[in-house]
Amino acid sequence: MARRMPISPLRDRESLLRKPGRRPPRSITLIVCEGETEQEYFEAARIRYGLTTAQIVLAENTKGAAPISVVACAEVKCADHGGYDRVYCVFDRNGHESFDRARARIKTLAGRRNKPLPIREAISIPCFEFWVLLHHERTDAPFQRCADVIERLRERMPGYEKAHAVIARQLMSILEQALDNAAWVETRVEHTERNPYTSVHHVLRHFAQVADQKDIA
């Protein structure tokens, strides 16, 4: 008798079609971050939405912290594991030379004819801490440096430290405020010339959709 091949949990898109009498398979999302602060935040968010580590995969980024390295890591992970339903590359400007190149590479990977990737950016300007700040206040005031954002953040959240698991969990209690504030900031893009800016809230909206088992566009 021929041996059955093991079924990989990372399915290709054809296997995601609904079959009569069966529950639709769960979405699998890959998150690739440039730093530990983002890793801790998305781990807290995964738990907050009740999602498993099979649904939300936080990749260990061995390619480096530069934006282009984040995208390179995502490419490798997609090739190694046979595909994901959604891939997010999380990085910020913060003086990175490869910021624009990374964004262009994501567009190329998503738009290519042969095996396009379901890859998207989740960027922050000037840095991820701006997204954290939006948990506490609504602002479109420009920031020149990440240090300026952190200084402002510590006025609202004394003792804030990067890559802190407890702080990341605390932020989950005011996540809805951050989502609303980030959506407002998006409407201000033309006026602020994308400083400040973040699209991280789209990742959290996706988490909510996955948690609700809704169809993901």
Protein backbone atom coordinates (compact mmCIF):
# COMPACT_ATOMS: atom_id res chain seq x y z
CA MET A 1 0.00 0.00 0.00
CA ALA A 2 1.34 3.38 -0.98
CA ARG A 3 2.28 5.63 1.93
CA ARG A 4 0.29 8.83 2.34
CA MET A 5 2.22 12.03 2.19
CA PRO A 6 1.89 14.20 5.33
CA ILE A 7 -0.33 17.24 4.94
CA SER A 8 1.45 20.53 5.49
CA PRO A 9 -0.39 23.06 7.70
CA LEU A 10 0.68 25.76 5.27
CA ARG A 11 -1.74 25.25 2.43
CA ASP A 12 -1.67 26.54 -1.08
CA ARG A 13 -4.59 28.65 -2.23
CA GLU A 14 -6.37 25.80 -4.04
CA SER A 15 -6.77 23.95 -0.76
CA LEU A 16 -8.49 26.98 0.76
CA LEU A 17 -11.65 26.42 -1.29
CA ARG A 18 -14.63 25.56 0.86
CA LYS A 19 -15.95 22.02 0.64
CA PRO A 20 -19.51 20.95 1.52
CA GLY A 21 -19.91 19.82 5.10
CA ARG A 22 -16.54 21.13 6.22
CA ARG A 23 -15.54 24.24 8.13
CA PRO A 24 -13.39 26.64 6.08
CA PRO A 25 -9.70 26.25 6.93
CA ARG A 26 -8.15 28.94 9.07
CA SER A 27 -6.11 31.72 7.56
CA ILE A 28 -2.36 31.63 8.08
CA THR A 29 -0.58 34.97 8.35
CA LEU A 30 3.17 35.59 8.41
CA ILE A 31 4.52 38.64 10.24
CA VAL A 32 8.14 39.67 9.67
CA CYS A 33 9.42 42.50 11.88
CA GLU A 34 12.64 44.47 12.01
CA GLY A 35 12.99 44.43 15.80
CA GLU A 36 12.05 42.90 19.14
CA THR A 37 9.68 45.75 20.06
CA GLU A 38 7.42 44.85 17.16
CA GLN A 39 7.74 41.14 17.93
CA GLU A 40 6.58 41.65 21.50
CA TYR A 41 3.70 43.84 20.37
CA PHE A 42 2.33 41.41 17.80
CA GLU A 43 2.70 38.49 20.19
CA ALA A 44 0.56 40.42 22.70
CA ALA A 45 -1.93 41.21 19.92
CA ARG A 46 -2.08 37.56 18.85
CA ILE A 47 -3.04 36.59 22.39
CA ARG A 48 -5.48 39.50 22.70
CA TYR A 49 -7.42 38.25 19.66
CA GLY A 50 -7.28 34.63 20.77
CA LEU A 51 -5.30 33.48 17.74
CA THR A 52 -2.94 30.53 17.70
CA THR A 53 0.71 30.40 16.66
CA ALA A 54 -0.46 28.37 13.67
CA GLN A 55 -2.72 31.21 12.54
CA ILE A 56 -0.26 34.05 13.22
CA VAL A 57 3.35 33.12 12.52
CA LEU A 58 5.90 35.59 13.91
CA ALA A 59 9.02 34.94 11.89
CA GLU A 60 12.46 34.99 13.42
CA ASN A 61 14.18 37.55 11.23
CA THR A 62 17.72 36.33 10.59
CA LYS A 63 18.34 38.70 7.68
CA GLY A 64 18.87 41.88 9.69
CA ALA A 65 16.94 44.94 10.83
CA ALA A 66 17.10 47.01 7.63
CA PRO A 67 13.75 47.26 5.78
CA ILE A 68 15.11 45.47 2.70
CA SER A 69 16.29 42.67 4.98
CA VAL A 70 12.79 42.32 6.41
CA VAL A 71 11.41 41.85 2.90
CA ALA A 72 14.19 39.40 2.03
CA CYS A 73 13.32 37.36 5.11
CA ALA A 74 9.67 37.27 4.07
CA GLU A 75 10.62 36.01 0.61
CA VAL A 76 12.70 33.20 2.06
CA LYS A 77 10.00 32.19 4.55
CA CYS A 78 7.38 32.04 1.80
CA ALA A 79 9.61 29.85 -0.37
CA ASP A 80 10.57 27.54 2.49
CA HIS A 81 7.07 26.89 3.77
CA GLY A 82 4.99 26.78 0.63
CA GLY A 83 2.90 29.90 1.06
CA TYR A 84 0.77 31.96 3.41
CA ASP A 85 -2.62 33.60 3.03
CA ARG A 86 -1.21 36.98 4.07
CA VAL A 87 2.30 38.30 4.68
CA TYR A 88 3.13 41.57 6.45
CA CYS A 89 6.54 43.22 6.48
CA VAL A 90 6.73 45.55 9.48
CA PHE A 91 9.39 48.24 9.35
CA ASP A 92 9.88 51.97 9.78
CA ARG A 93 11.73 54.81 8.12
CA ASN A 94 13.91 55.89 11.07
CA GLY A 95 16.78 56.91 8.78
CA HIS A 96 16.99 53.54 7.00
CA GLU A 97 18.62 53.82 3.58
CA SER A 98 16.62 50.89 2.20
CA PHE A 99 13.16 52.11 3.26
CA ASP A 100 12.01 53.09 -0.24
CA ARG A 101 13.69 50.08 -1.86
CA ALA A 102 11.89 47.75 0.53
CA ARG A 103 8.52 49.30 -0.31
CA ALA A 104 9.24 49.01 -4.03
CA ARG A 105 10.27 45.35 -3.63
CA ILE A 106 6.99 44.56 -1.86
CA LYS A 107 5.04 46.06 -4.77
CA THR A 108 7.08 43.97 -7.20
CA LEU A 109 6.50 40.74 -5.30
CA ALA A 110 2.78 41.40 -4.94
CA GLY A 111 2.30 42.44 -8.56
CA ARG A 112 4.39 39.95 -10.48
CA ARG A 113 2.61 37.63 -12.93
CA ASN A 114 4.41 34.46 -11.92
CA LYS A 115 3.56 33.38 -8.38
CA PRO A 116 2.73 36.75 -6.80
CA LEU A 117 3.03 36.87 -3.04
CA PRO A 118 0.15 38.03 -0.79
CA ILE A 119 2.61 40.47 0.75
CA ARG A 120 1.91 43.90 2.23
CA GLU A 121 3.80 46.59 4.08
CA ALA A 122 3.05 47.82 7.59
CA ILE A 123 5.19 50.91 7.94
CA SER A 124 5.64 53.69 10.47
CA ILE A 125 7.16 57.14 10.07
CA PRO A 126 9.40 57.99 11.71
CA CYS A 127 9.28 54.77 13.79
CA PHE A 128 7.09 52.08 15.32
CA GLU A 129 6.80 54.11 18.51
CA PHE A 130 4.49 56.51 16.67
CA TRP A 131 1.98 53.65 16.43
CA VAL A 132 2.44 53.07 20.17
CA LEU A 133 1.87 56.77 20.85
CA LEU A 134 -1.48 56.59 19.06
CA HIS A 135 -2.71 54.30 21.83
CA HIS A 136 -2.57 57.36 24.06
CA GLU A 137 -3.33 60.37 21.87
CA ARG A 138 -4.46 61.58 18.47
CA THR A 139 -1.78 63.67 16.81
CA ASP A 140 -0.39 64.48 13.38
CA ALA A 141 2.48 66.62 14.66
CA PRO A 142 5.69 65.81 12.71
CA PHE A 143 8.64 64.12 14.40
CA GLN A 144 12.20 64.39 13.14
CA ARG A 145 13.65 61.50 15.14
CA CYS A 146 12.46 58.35 16.85
CA ALA A 147 13.93 59.76 20.08
CA ASP A 148 11.43 62.62 19.84
CA VAL A 149 8.53 60.18 19.58
CA ILE A 150 9.77 58.20 22.58
CA GLU A 151 10.14 61.39 24.62
CA ARG A 152 6.53 62.33 23.79
CA LEU A 153 5.39 58.79 24.51
CA ARG A 154 6.99 58.78 27.94
CA GLU A 155 4.97 61.84 28.87
CA ARG A 156 1.92 59.63 28.40
CA MET A 157 3.45 56.35 29.49
CA PRO A 158 6.25 56.92 32.04
CA GLY A 159 8.77 54.12 32.09
CA TYR A 160 8.16 53.08 28.48
CA GLU A 161 10.90 50.78 27.22
CA LYS A 162 11.37 49.13 23.85
CA ALA A 163 10.94 45.35 23.52
CA HIS A 164 9.07 45.05 26.81
CA ALA A 165 6.49 42.24 26.95
CA VAL A 166 4.56 43.67 29.92
CA ILE A 167 4.23 47.07 28.25
CA ALA A 168 3.03 45.42 25.04
CA ARG A 169 0.31 43.60 26.97
CA GLN A 170 -0.74 46.81 28.71
CA LEU A 171 -1.25 48.50 25.35
CA MET A 172 -3.88 45.92 24.39
CA SER A 173 -6.37 47.52 26.80
CA ILE A 174 -6.38 50.72 24.73
CA LEU A 175 -5.95 49.16 21.29
CA GLU A 176 -9.30 50.40 19.96
CA GLN A 177 -8.22 53.99 20.57
CA ALA A 178 -5.04 53.38 18.57
CA LEU A 179 -7.05 51.91 15.68
CA ASP A 180 -9.31 54.95 15.55
CA ASN A 181 -6.41 57.40 15.82
CA ALA A 182 -4.39 55.68 13.10
CA ALA A 183 -7.37 55.73 10.73
CA TRP A 184 -7.65 59.48 11.38
CA VAL A 185 -3.92 59.98 10.68
CA GLU A 186 -4.38 58.26 7.31
CA THR A 187 -6.85 60.96 6.34
CA ARG A 188 -4.18 63.57 7.10
CA VAL A 189 -1.51 62.19 4.75
CA GLU A 190 -1.78 64.97 2.17
CA HIS A 191 -1.43 67.61 4.87
CA THR A 192 1.46 66.03 6.77
CA GLU A 193 3.50 64.67 3.82
CA ARG A 194 3.54 61.32 5.63
CA ASN A 195 5.25 62.57 8.76
CA PRO A 196 3.94 61.16 10.97
CA TYR A 197 2.29 58.09 9.46
CA THR A 198 1.55 54.46 10.21
CA SER A 199 -0.29 51.61 8.52
CA VAL A 200 0.21 49.13 11.38
CA HIS A 201 -3.49 49.33 12.26
CA HIS A 202 -4.29 47.37 9.10
CA VAL A 203 -2.45 44.38 10.56
CA LEU A 204 -4.61 44.53 13.69
CA ARG A 205 -7.78 44.85 11.61
CA HIS A 206 -6.66 41.71 9.81
CA PHE A 207 -6.14 39.93 13.15
CA ALA A 208 -9.72 40.81 14.09
CA GLN A 209 -11.06 39.45 10.80
CA VAL A 210 -9.13 36.21 11.20
CA ALA A 211 -10.41 35.87 14.76
CA ASP A 212 -13.98 36.28 13.47
CA GLN A 213 -13.35 33.75 10.69
CA LYS A 214 -14.45 36.27 8.08
CA ASP A 215 -13.43 36.11 4.44
CA ILE A 216 -10.24 38.10 3.96
CA ALA A 217 -10.13 40.30 0.85
